[in-house]
Amino acid sequence: MIIKLKTTSKKKEKSKIKSNNIRAILTDIEMSQQELADIALNGNRHLLSRIVNGHRKCVSLPTAIKIANALGKPVEQVFSI
């Protein structure tokens, strides 16, 4: 006799970012992407560029908070989900 066990995997549903205001905020505060990457992402400009250009739709909360803090804005003002 073969018994099949039903497994239920409960994955966390990830919220995807619809848009971000990073480029506009950078322009307003006269900061470059490199400066923001140095402050918020340990110099990882490639990651920041992918986020800014919308190629990276899922951003971890700690990363979003670091970016928002470096810009001096609340997360809700920087990212839209």
C-alpha atoms as a PDB file:
ATOM      1  CA  MET A   1       0.000   0.000   0.000  1.00  0.00           C
ATOM      2  CA  ILE A   2       1.363   3.435  -1.004  1.00  0.00           C
ATOM      3  CA  ILE A   3       0.297   6.455   0.964  1.00  0.00           C
ATOM      4  CA  LYS A   4       0.805   9.869  -0.502  1.00  0.00           C
ATOM      5  CA  LEU A   5       1.351  12.631   1.949  1.00  0.00           C
ATOM      6  CA  LYS A   6       0.027  15.972   0.984  1.00  0.00           C
ATOM      7  CA  THR A   7       2.539  18.652   1.705  1.00  0.00           C
ATOM      8  CA  THR A   8       1.509  22.210   1.850  1.00  0.00           C
ATOM      9  CA  SER A   9       4.216  24.714   1.315  1.00  0.00           C
ATOM     10  CA  LYS A  10       3.343  28.147   2.462  1.00  0.00           C
ATOM     11  CA  LYS A  11       5.599  30.498   0.628  1.00  0.00           C
ATOM     12  CA  LYS A  12       5.639  34.081   1.612  1.00  0.00           C
ATOM     13  CA  GLU A  13       4.061  36.140  -1.095  1.00  0.00           C
ATOM     14  CA  LYS A  14       6.464  38.818  -2.208  1.00  0.00           C
ATOM     15  CA  SER A  15       5.198  42.256  -3.002  1.00  0.00           C
ATOM     16  CA  LYS A  16       6.677  43.560  -6.197  1.00  0.00           C
ATOM     17  CA  ILE A  17       7.659  47.150  -6.611  1.00  0.00           C
ATOM     18  CA  LYS A  18       5.548  48.982  -9.155  1.00  0.00           C
ATOM     19  CA  SER A  19       7.857  51.955  -9.309  1.00  0.00           C
ATOM     20  CA  ASN A  20      10.381  53.968  -7.394  1.00  0.00           C
ATOM     21  CA  ASN A  21      11.222  57.646  -7.130  1.00  0.00           C
ATOM     22  CA  ILE A  22      14.946  57.226  -6.590  1.00  0.00           C
ATOM     23  CA  ARG A  23      16.038  59.020  -9.764  1.00  0.00           C
ATOM     24  CA  ALA A  24      13.816  62.058  -9.061  1.00  0.00           C
ATOM     25  CA  ILE A  25      14.927  62.228  -5.421  1.00  0.00           C
ATOM     26  CA  LEU A  26      18.594  61.972  -6.437  1.00  0.00           C
ATOM     27  CA  THR A  27      18.088  64.894  -8.818  1.00  0.00           C
ATOM     28  CA  ASP A  28      16.327  66.957  -6.135  1.00  0.00           C
ATOM     29  CA  ILE A  29      19.034  66.434  -3.540  1.00  0.00           C
ATOM     30  CA  GLU A  30      21.867  66.598  -6.088  1.00  0.00           C
ATOM     31  CA  MET A  31      23.300  63.184  -5.253  1.00  0.00           C
ATOM     32  CA  SER A  32      24.739  60.698  -7.746  1.00  0.00           C
ATOM     33  CA  GLN A  33      23.830  57.028  -7.935  1.00  0.00           C
ATOM     34  CA  GLN A  34      27.405  56.195  -6.996  1.00  0.00           C
ATOM     35  CA  GLU A  35      27.184  58.307  -3.830  1.00  0.00           C
ATOM     36  CA  LEU A  36      23.910  56.621  -2.872  1.00  0.00           C
ATOM     37  CA  ALA A  37      25.374  53.179  -3.583  1.00  0.00           C
ATOM     38  CA  ASP A  38      28.417  53.992  -1.445  1.00  0.00           C
ATOM     39  CA  ILE A  39      26.238  55.105   1.481  1.00  0.00           C
ATOM     40  CA  ALA A  40      23.417  52.565   1.337  1.00  0.00           C
ATOM     41  CA  LEU A  41      24.745  49.496  -0.473  1.00  0.00           C
ATOM     42  CA  ASN A  42      28.456  49.320   0.328  1.00  0.00           C
ATOM     43  CA  GLY A  43      29.306  50.643  -3.122  1.00  0.00           C
ATOM     44  CA  ASN A  44      27.168  48.127  -5.040  1.00  0.00           C
ATOM     45  CA  ARG A  45      26.216  50.466  -7.897  1.00  0.00           C
ATOM     46  CA  HIS A  46      25.135  47.574 -10.125  1.00  0.00           C
ATOM     47  CA  LEU A  47      22.376  46.592  -7.676  1.00  0.00           C
ATOM     48  CA  LEU A  48      21.267  50.201  -7.287  1.00  0.00           C
ATOM     49  CA  SER A  49      21.189  50.683 -11.053  1.00  0.00           C
ATOM     50  CA  ARG A  50      18.987  47.601 -11.474  1.00  0.00           C
ATOM     51  CA  ILE A  51      16.590  48.895  -8.807  1.00  0.00           C
ATOM     52  CA  VAL A  52      16.459  52.433 -10.246  1.00  0.00           C
ATOM     53  CA  ASN A  53      15.855  51.190 -13.803  1.00  0.00           C
ATOM     54  CA  GLY A  54      13.120  48.775 -12.719  1.00  0.00           C
ATOM     55  CA  HIS A  55      15.009  45.593 -13.614  1.00  0.00           C
ATOM     56  CA  ARG A  56      14.838  44.446 -10.009  1.00  0.00           C
ATOM     57  CA  LYS A  57      11.212  44.330  -8.866  1.00  0.00           C
ATOM     58  CA  CYS A  58      11.748  42.589  -5.513  1.00  0.00           C
ATOM     59  CA  VAL A  59      13.866  44.516  -3.042  1.00  0.00           C
ATOM     60  CA  SER A  60      14.376  43.289   0.502  1.00  0.00           C
ATOM     61  CA  LEU A  61      12.998  45.451   3.265  1.00  0.00           C
ATOM     62  CA  PRO A  62      16.437  46.077   4.830  1.00  0.00           C
ATOM     63  CA  THR A  63      17.767  47.242   1.443  1.00  0.00           C
ATOM     64  CA  ALA A  64      14.750  49.495   0.873  1.00  0.00           C
ATOM     65  CA  ILE A  65      15.186  51.004   4.328  1.00  0.00           C
ATOM     66  CA  LYS A  66      18.914  51.636   3.755  1.00  0.00           C
ATOM     67  CA  ILE A  67      18.182  53.391   0.458  1.00  0.00           C
ATOM     68  CA  ALA A  68      15.375  55.478   1.957  1.00  0.00           C
ATOM     69  CA  ASN A  69      17.481  56.458   4.977  1.00  0.00           C
ATOM     70  CA  ALA A  70      20.382  57.492   2.751  1.00  0.00           C
ATOM     71  CA  LEU A  71      17.974  59.659   0.743  1.00  0.00           C
ATOM     72  CA  GLY A  72      16.448  61.118   3.911  1.00  0.00           C
ATOM     73  CA  LYS A  73      12.952  60.021   2.881  1.00  0.00           C
ATOM     74  CA  PRO A  74      10.413  57.507   4.214  1.00  0.00           C
ATOM     75  CA  VAL A  75      10.342  54.159   2.404  1.00  0.00           C
ATOM     76  CA  GLU A  76       6.768  54.847   1.240  1.00  0.00           C
ATOM     77  CA  GLN A  77       7.941  57.977  -0.571  1.00  0.00           C
ATOM     78  CA  VAL A  78      10.780  56.160  -2.320  1.00  0.00           C
ATOM     79  CA  PHE A  79       9.027  52.917  -3.366  1.00  0.00           C
ATOM     80  CA  SER A  80       5.478  52.146  -4.528  1.00  0.00           C
ATOM     81  CA  ILE A  81       4.107  48.603  -4.235  1.00  0.00           C
END
